[in-house]
Amino acid sequence: MEKLEYEIEFITPAFIGGADQQAELRPASFIGLLRWWWRVLKGWQNPEVLFNEEMKIFGGGGDKGSAGKVWLRIKNRGVNVGRDVKGDNRLQWYYDKRLGQLSGKHAGIGYLFFSVVSLKKRDYLTPGSRFVLELVGESEFLSHAIASLWALSVFGGVGTRARRGGGNIRVMDSQKSFIDMSPREPFPEWLKSQYTKALGAVQGQGLVKEVYVSKKTFNTWAEALSEVGERFMDYRTKNKGRIFDMGAFGLPIRHRGNAFLVAEHYTRRASPLILKAIKVGDRYRWMAVWLDGRFLPKGEKLKFRGRPGNINLNPVKEFLSTLAAQKIALSQGG
């Protein structure tokens, strides 16, 4: 049995908590995230084989439930709770009635965090909050969890708005292992080499389709996230008339008059596009990550005010082409 401890820092606000919406760290949330990113790394595989392997590593309930081979614990090392993400972080944006959209220095963040700062303010864990994530297990299975933690820290986020820059983390204390947890320059080369190692650890093909990273670096997470958020806002605003096409960025989509774009038989579909900040050394970059996978089951239609429509993923590609960013080609496992 082996035990590894990783000190982790939130680099963007994390909207994470229980049913009462109070910000807190929950081990169950992190084990769920490790399972999810493990599936992303595994990629297209036989569903039954994939399910059985996941159960063996992480455990699960139900008729075929069993204890996993990897355990996770969390230790608080200085987690701070904020009440007003806009005021606490001195973020500046306002709604410009003339333009019909957000304006200001950090309008991009206001757009990305809209549901948690405009519709209903939520408590959050502040950037700089730290905790220790402890992984315990047999080395054979522990390598899978380590690869998943790497993928979570590099490609993902934690909590609500995780696909729009919320809850981005970095691993502060990188223990000696097969993979380097600490992003470094030159970043594209580092990313490609470590992604290959992560795929090798889980024997996967990977579902990370494309990655775009800002060419320039920023002093703060707010500068990085606001820039990519503003570009996303501009693209969505210019194309808001393409109602069905905008479904490519996730469902449901609310329009004026409380009309929603949804799928015929599904209420939600997470966006295949992740926008986030990443800290490389003492500087920040923004990233756009496009995940592969079937958007909706075959034959499923979109629906808006009773009218059916087809899903079209071209808008994701269109948006990525507008980014003045470096595209990083990632190798796929065998």
Protein backbone atom coordinates (compact mmCIF):
# COMPACT_ATOMS: atom_id res chain seq x y z
CA MET A 1 0.00 0.00 0.00
CA GLU A 2 1.32 3.43 -0.94
CA LYS A 3 0.32 6.92 0.18
CA LEU A 4 0.89 10.12 -1.79
CA GLU A 5 0.06 13.68 -0.74
CA TYR A 6 -0.41 16.56 -3.18
CA GLU A 7 -0.71 20.15 -2.04
CA ILE A 8 -3.22 21.87 -4.32
CA GLU A 9 -4.04 25.54 -4.79
CA PHE A 10 -7.12 27.09 -6.37
CA ILE A 11 -6.01 29.67 -8.94
CA THR A 12 -9.53 30.85 -9.87
CA PRO A 13 -12.70 31.15 -7.73
CA ALA A 14 -14.26 27.76 -7.00
CA PHE A 15 -18.04 27.55 -6.68
CA ILE A 16 -18.18 24.23 -4.88
CA GLY A 17 -20.29 23.00 -2.01
CA GLY A 18 -23.22 20.95 -0.81
CA ALA A 19 -26.95 21.26 -1.30
CA ASP A 20 -27.05 24.36 0.92
CA GLN A 21 -24.69 26.11 -1.56
CA GLN A 22 -22.12 26.84 1.19
CA ALA A 23 -18.58 26.62 -0.17
CA GLU A 24 -16.71 23.58 1.12
CA LEU A 25 -14.37 20.81 0.02
CA ARG A 26 -15.99 17.41 -0.35
CA PRO A 27 -13.97 14.21 -0.94
CA ALA A 28 -16.88 12.71 -2.88
CA SER A 29 -16.67 15.56 -5.38
CA PHE A 30 -13.01 14.91 -6.05
CA ILE A 31 -13.32 11.15 -6.40
CA GLY A 32 -16.11 11.81 -8.91
CA LEU A 33 -13.86 14.20 -10.84
CA LEU A 34 -11.00 11.69 -10.90
CA ARG A 35 -13.36 9.04 -12.27
CA TRP A 36 -14.61 11.42 -14.96
CA TRP A 37 -11.14 12.48 -16.14
CA TRP A 38 -10.06 8.84 -16.07
CA ARG A 39 -12.81 8.13 -18.62
CA VAL A 40 -11.61 11.07 -20.73
CA LEU A 41 -8.09 9.65 -20.75
CA LYS A 42 -9.33 6.14 -21.57
CA GLY A 43 -11.30 7.39 -24.57
CA TRP A 44 -13.34 5.18 -26.87
CA GLN A 45 -13.40 1.68 -25.39
CA ASN A 46 -15.88 -1.13 -24.85
CA PRO A 47 -18.41 0.32 -22.35
CA GLU A 48 -18.72 -2.88 -20.29
CA VAL A 49 -14.96 -3.37 -20.06
CA LEU A 50 -14.53 0.32 -19.19
CA PHE A 51 -17.18 0.14 -16.47
CA ASN A 52 -15.66 -2.94 -14.86
CA GLU A 53 -12.17 -1.43 -14.87
CA GLU A 54 -13.45 1.83 -13.37
CA MET A 55 -15.29 -0.06 -10.62
CA LYS A 56 -12.14 -2.02 -9.80
CA ILE A 57 -10.04 1.14 -9.42
CA PHE A 58 -12.47 3.62 -7.85
CA GLY A 59 -15.22 1.36 -6.48
CA GLY A 60 -18.96 1.93 -6.73
CA GLY A 61 -22.42 1.04 -5.47
CA GLY A 62 -25.31 -0.97 -6.89
CA ASP A 63 -25.71 -4.71 -7.34
CA LYS A 64 -22.17 -5.07 -8.63
CA GLY A 65 -20.73 -2.51 -6.22
CA SER A 66 -17.43 -3.01 -4.47
CA ALA A 67 -14.73 -1.08 -2.65
CA GLY A 68 -12.14 0.48 -4.92
CA LYS A 69 -8.40 0.06 -4.86
CA VAL A 70 -7.77 3.79 -4.44
CA TRP A 71 -8.86 5.93 -1.49
CA LEU A 72 -8.91 9.69 -1.24
CA ARG A 73 -8.74 12.06 1.72
CA ILE A 74 -8.67 15.86 1.91
CA LYS A 75 -6.85 18.00 4.45
CA ASN A 76 -7.55 21.71 4.76
CA ARG A 77 -4.38 23.81 4.50
CA GLY A 78 -5.86 27.29 4.33
CA VAL A 79 -9.19 27.36 2.51
CA ASN A 80 -10.90 30.74 2.55
CA VAL A 81 -14.56 31.41 1.72
CA GLY A 82 -15.62 34.52 -0.21
CA ARG A 83 -19.13 35.98 -0.41
CA ASP A 84 -18.95 38.35 -3.38
CA VAL A 85 -16.62 37.22 -6.15
CA LYS A 86 -16.92 40.51 -8.05
CA GLY A 87 -16.32 42.82 -5.10
CA ASP A 88 -13.77 40.65 -3.31
CA ASN A 89 -11.54 40.42 -6.39
CA ARG A 90 -12.09 44.00 -7.56
CA LEU A 91 -13.53 42.85 -10.86
CA GLN A 92 -15.06 45.48 -13.10
CA TRP A 93 -17.95 44.98 -15.48
CA TYR A 94 -21.40 46.43 -16.13
CA TYR A 95 -24.28 45.88 -18.51
CA ASP A 96 -24.13 48.29 -21.44
CA LYS A 97 -27.72 48.83 -22.62
CA ARG A 98 -26.56 50.48 -25.84
CA LEU A 99 -24.47 47.48 -26.86
CA GLY A 100 -26.77 44.94 -25.25
CA GLN A 101 -23.89 43.14 -23.53
CA LEU A 102 -21.42 43.34 -20.66
CA SER A 103 -18.64 45.92 -20.83
CA GLY A 104 -15.70 46.82 -18.64
CA LYS A 105 -12.22 45.57 -17.83
CA HIS A 106 -13.41 42.13 -16.70
CA ALA A 107 -16.54 41.73 -18.82
CA GLY A 108 -15.25 38.35 -19.97
CA ILE A 109 -15.31 37.00 -16.42
CA GLY A 110 -18.77 38.39 -15.85
CA TYR A 111 -19.92 36.51 -18.93
CA LEU A 112 -18.24 33.22 -18.00
CA PHE A 113 -19.47 33.35 -14.39
CA PHE A 114 -22.89 34.83 -15.23
CA SER A 115 -25.06 32.21 -13.53
CA VAL A 116 -23.21 32.45 -10.21
CA VAL A 117 -22.68 36.23 -10.04
CA SER A 118 -25.76 37.68 -11.74
CA LEU A 119 -28.62 35.23 -11.40
CA LYS A 120 -27.79 34.20 -7.83
CA LYS A 121 -24.67 35.10 -5.90
CA ARG A 122 -22.89 32.09 -4.43
CA ASP A 123 -20.21 31.60 -1.83
CA TYR A 124 -16.91 30.46 -3.27
CA LEU A 125 -13.43 29.32 -2.31
CA THR A 126 -11.00 32.12 -3.02
CA PRO A 127 -7.97 31.95 -5.33
CA GLY A 128 -4.97 31.07 -3.19
CA SER A 129 -6.96 28.63 -1.04
CA ARG A 130 -4.96 25.45 -0.47
CA PHE A 131 -5.60 21.89 0.59
CA VAL A 132 -3.84 18.53 0.58
CA LEU A 133 -5.26 15.70 -1.47
CA GLU A 134 -4.12 12.32 -0.18
CA LEU A 135 -4.24 9.27 -2.42
CA VAL A 136 -3.84 5.80 -0.91
CA GLY A 137 -3.72 2.54 -2.81
CA GLU A 138 -1.66 -0.11 -4.53
CA SER A 139 0.82 1.38 -7.00
CA GLU A 140 -0.74 -0.56 -9.89
CA PHE A 141 -4.02 1.31 -9.42
CA LEU A 142 -2.62 4.50 -7.93
CA SER A 143 -1.00 5.42 -11.26
CA HIS A 144 -4.50 5.69 -12.78
CA ALA A 145 -5.61 8.16 -10.10
CA ILE A 146 -2.41 10.19 -10.50
CA ALA A 147 -2.97 10.47 -14.26
CA SER A 148 -6.57 11.57 -13.59
CA LEU A 149 -5.43 14.21 -11.11
CA TRP A 150 -2.99 15.53 -13.71
CA ALA A 151 -5.76 15.75 -16.33
CA LEU A 152 -8.09 17.50 -13.87
CA SER A 153 -5.48 20.12 -13.00
CA VAL A 154 -4.40 20.77 -16.60
CA PHE A 155 -7.63 20.46 -18.60
CA GLY A 156 -10.44 20.91 -16.09
CA GLY A 157 -11.84 22.65 -13.05
CA VAL A 158 -13.82 21.98 -9.89
CA GLY A 159 -17.42 22.87 -9.08
CA THR A 160 -20.03 24.98 -10.86
CA ARG A 161 -18.75 26.81 -13.98
CA ALA A 162 -15.80 24.40 -14.14
CA ARG A 163 -16.01 24.50 -17.94
CA ARG A 164 -15.98 28.29 -17.89
CA GLY A 165 -12.96 29.01 -15.72
CA GLY A 166 -14.36 28.18 -12.28
CA GLY A 167 -12.31 26.15 -9.80
CA ASN A 168 -9.09 25.91 -11.79
CA ILE A 169 -6.32 24.33 -9.71
CA ARG A 170 -2.60 23.73 -9.77
CA VAL A 171 -0.65 21.04 -7.97
CA MET A 172 1.88 22.82 -5.78
CA ASP A 173 3.74 19.85 -4.38
CA SER A 174 4.64 17.46 -7.18
CA GLN A 175 5.93 14.22 -5.71
CA LYS A 176 8.38 12.14 -7.68
CA SER A 177 6.36 10.03 -10.08
CA PHE A 178 6.03 9.12 -13.73
CA ILE A 179 4.29 12.41 -14.57
CA ASP A 180 5.20 16.05 -13.95
CA MET A 181 2.34 17.82 -12.21
CA SER A 182 3.84 21.33 -12.44
CA PRO A 183 3.32 23.12 -15.79
CA ARG A 184 6.48 24.68 -17.13
CA GLU A 185 7.84 26.40 -20.21
CA PRO A 186 8.00 25.76 -23.05
CA PHE A 187 4.40 24.88 -22.25
CA PRO A 188 3.33 23.20 -25.55
CA GLU A 189 6.21 20.72 -25.35
CA TRP A 190 5.55 20.06 -21.67
CA LEU A 191 1.85 19.46 -22.33
CA LYS A 192 2.43 17.04 -25.20
CA SER A 193 4.99 14.96 -23.31
CA GLN A 194 2.96 14.71 -20.08
CA TYR A 195 -0.30 13.95 -21.91
CA THR A 196 1.43 11.01 -23.60
CA LYS A 197 2.52 9.76 -20.17
CA ALA A 198 -1.02 10.11 -18.78
CA LEU A 199 -2.45 8.10 -21.67
CA GLY A 200 0.19 5.44 -21.18
CA ALA A 201 -0.60 5.12 -17.48
CA VAL A 202 -4.25 4.27 -18.15
CA GLN A 203 -3.67 2.61 -21.53
CA GLY A 204 -6.07 5.02 -23.18
CA GLN A 205 -6.67 6.81 -26.46
CA GLY A 206 -7.89 10.09 -24.94
CA LEU A 207 -10.85 12.32 -25.78
CA VAL A 208 -9.02 15.65 -25.82
CA LYS A 209 -9.65 16.65 -29.42
CA GLU A 210 -7.90 20.02 -29.66
CA VAL A 211 -6.15 22.40 -27.26
CA TYR A 212 -5.54 26.11 -27.81
CA VAL A 213 -3.37 28.15 -25.47
CA SER A 214 -2.77 31.89 -25.37
CA LYS A 215 0.45 33.00 -27.02
CA LYS A 216 1.05 35.65 -24.38
CA THR A 217 1.20 35.28 -20.63
CA PHE A 218 -0.60 37.33 -17.98
CA ASN A 219 0.16 38.65 -14.50
CA THR A 220 -3.11 37.42 -12.97
CA TRP A 221 -5.78 34.79 -13.45
CA ALA A 222 -8.34 37.57 -13.94
CA GLU A 223 -6.48 39.04 -16.91
CA ALA A 224 -6.13 35.64 -18.58
CA LEU A 225 -9.69 34.49 -17.97
CA SER A 226 -11.25 37.81 -18.91
CA GLU A 227 -9.52 37.86 -22.29
CA VAL A 228 -10.76 34.44 -23.40
CA GLY A 229 -14.16 35.13 -21.81
CA GLU A 230 -14.54 38.35 -23.80
CA ARG A 231 -13.70 36.59 -27.04
CA PHE A 232 -16.27 33.92 -26.25
CA MET A 233 -18.86 36.59 -25.38
CA ASP A 234 -18.20 38.46 -28.62
CA TYR A 235 -18.59 35.32 -30.72
CA ARG A 236 -21.81 34.26 -28.99
CA THR A 237 -23.27 37.78 -29.20
CA LYS A 238 -22.54 38.14 -32.91
CA ASN A 239 -24.12 34.75 -33.60
CA LYS A 240 -27.04 34.77 -31.16
CA GLY A 241 -29.49 34.65 -34.06
CA ARG A 242 -28.19 31.17 -34.95
CA ILE A 243 -30.29 29.67 -32.18
CA PHE A 244 -29.88 25.98 -32.99
CA ASP A 245 -26.19 26.32 -33.87
CA MET A 246 -25.38 27.81 -30.47
CA GLY A 247 -26.53 24.55 -28.91
CA ALA A 248 -23.06 23.23 -29.75
CA PHE A 249 -21.79 24.99 -26.61
CA GLY A 250 -24.05 23.05 -24.25
CA LEU A 251 -27.72 22.74 -23.27
CA PRO A 252 -30.04 24.19 -22.18
CA ILE A 253 -29.66 27.73 -23.52
CA ARG A 254 -32.01 30.38 -22.20
CA HIS A 255 -33.29 33.11 -24.50
CA ARG A 256 -35.35 36.18 -23.74
CA GLY A 257 -38.90 35.50 -22.73
CA ASN A 258 -37.86 32.36 -20.81
CA ALA A 259 -37.62 30.31 -24.00
CA PHE A 260 -35.09 27.47 -23.81
CA LEU A 261 -33.16 25.59 -26.44
CA VAL A 262 -33.12 21.95 -25.30
CA ALA A 263 -32.88 18.45 -26.69
CA GLU A 264 -36.11 16.54 -27.32
CA HIS A 265 -35.50 13.95 -24.61
CA TYR A 266 -32.68 15.43 -22.54
CA THR A 267 -32.70 18.52 -20.35
CA ARG A 268 -28.93 19.00 -20.12
CA ARG A 269 -25.77 18.44 -22.13
CA ALA A 270 -22.46 19.76 -20.83
CA SER A 271 -20.40 21.86 -23.20
CA PRO A 272 -17.67 20.01 -25.12
CA LEU A 273 -15.61 23.21 -24.86
CA ILE A 274 -13.68 24.04 -21.68
CA LEU A 275 -12.30 27.54 -21.16
CA LYS A 276 -9.88 27.97 -18.28
CA ALA A 277 -6.80 29.58 -16.80
CA ILE A 278 -3.58 27.71 -16.11
CA LYS A 279 -0.58 28.85 -14.10
CA VAL A 280 2.81 28.15 -15.65
CA GLY A 281 5.57 29.14 -13.27
CA ASP A 282 4.50 32.50 -11.85
CA ARG A 283 2.56 33.56 -14.97
CA TYR A 284 -0.90 32.72 -16.32
CA ARG A 285 -2.24 31.63 -19.70
CA TRP A 286 -5.75 30.85 -20.87
CA MET A 287 -6.67 27.56 -22.52
CA ALA A 288 -9.51 26.30 -24.70
CA VAL A 289 -9.98 22.53 -24.62
CA TRP A 290 -12.28 20.75 -27.10
CA LEU A 291 -13.42 17.30 -25.94
CA ASP A 292 -14.40 14.64 -28.44
CA GLY A 293 -17.51 12.49 -28.06
CA ARG A 294 -21.04 12.09 -29.38
CA PHE A 295 -22.93 15.25 -28.48
CA LEU A 296 -26.37 13.59 -28.32
CA PRO A 297 -27.65 10.08 -29.05
CA LYS A 298 -28.10 9.25 -32.71
CA GLY A 299 -31.33 10.68 -34.10
CA GLU A 300 -31.87 13.11 -31.20
CA LYS A 301 -33.11 16.56 -32.23
CA LEU A 302 -32.95 19.98 -30.66
CA LYS A 303 -36.13 21.86 -29.81
CA PHE A 304 -36.90 25.58 -29.46
CA ARG A 305 -40.42 26.90 -28.95
CA GLY A 306 -41.82 23.69 -30.40
CA ARG A 307 -39.63 23.80 -33.51
CA PRO A 308 -37.16 20.95 -34.11
CA GLY A 309 -33.59 21.48 -35.29
CA ASN A 310 -30.38 19.56 -35.88
CA ILE A 311 -27.22 19.76 -33.82
CA ASN A 312 -24.25 21.35 -35.59
CA LEU A 313 -20.81 21.32 -33.92
CA ASN A 314 -19.19 23.61 -36.50
CA PRO A 315 -19.65 26.67 -34.23
CA VAL A 316 -17.10 25.24 -31.79
CA LYS A 317 -14.56 25.00 -34.60
CA GLU A 318 -15.53 28.49 -35.81
CA PHE A 319 -14.99 29.98 -32.37
CA LEU A 320 -11.62 28.29 -31.91
CA SER A 321 -10.50 29.66 -35.27
CA THR A 322 -11.14 33.21 -33.98
CA LEU A 323 -8.66 32.80 -31.13
CA ALA A 324 -5.24 34.33 -31.60
CA ALA A 325 -3.77 31.27 -29.93
CA GLN A 326 -1.33 28.44 -30.40
CA LYS A 327 -2.93 25.12 -31.32
CA ILE A 328 -1.27 22.19 -29.59
CA ALA A 329 -1.52 18.81 -31.33
CA LEU A 330 -1.69 16.02 -28.75
CA SER A 331 -0.72 12.46 -29.55
CA GLN A 332 -3.30 9.72 -29.09
CA GLY A 333 -2.57 6.52 -27.23
CA GLY A 334 -2.76 3.08 -28.76
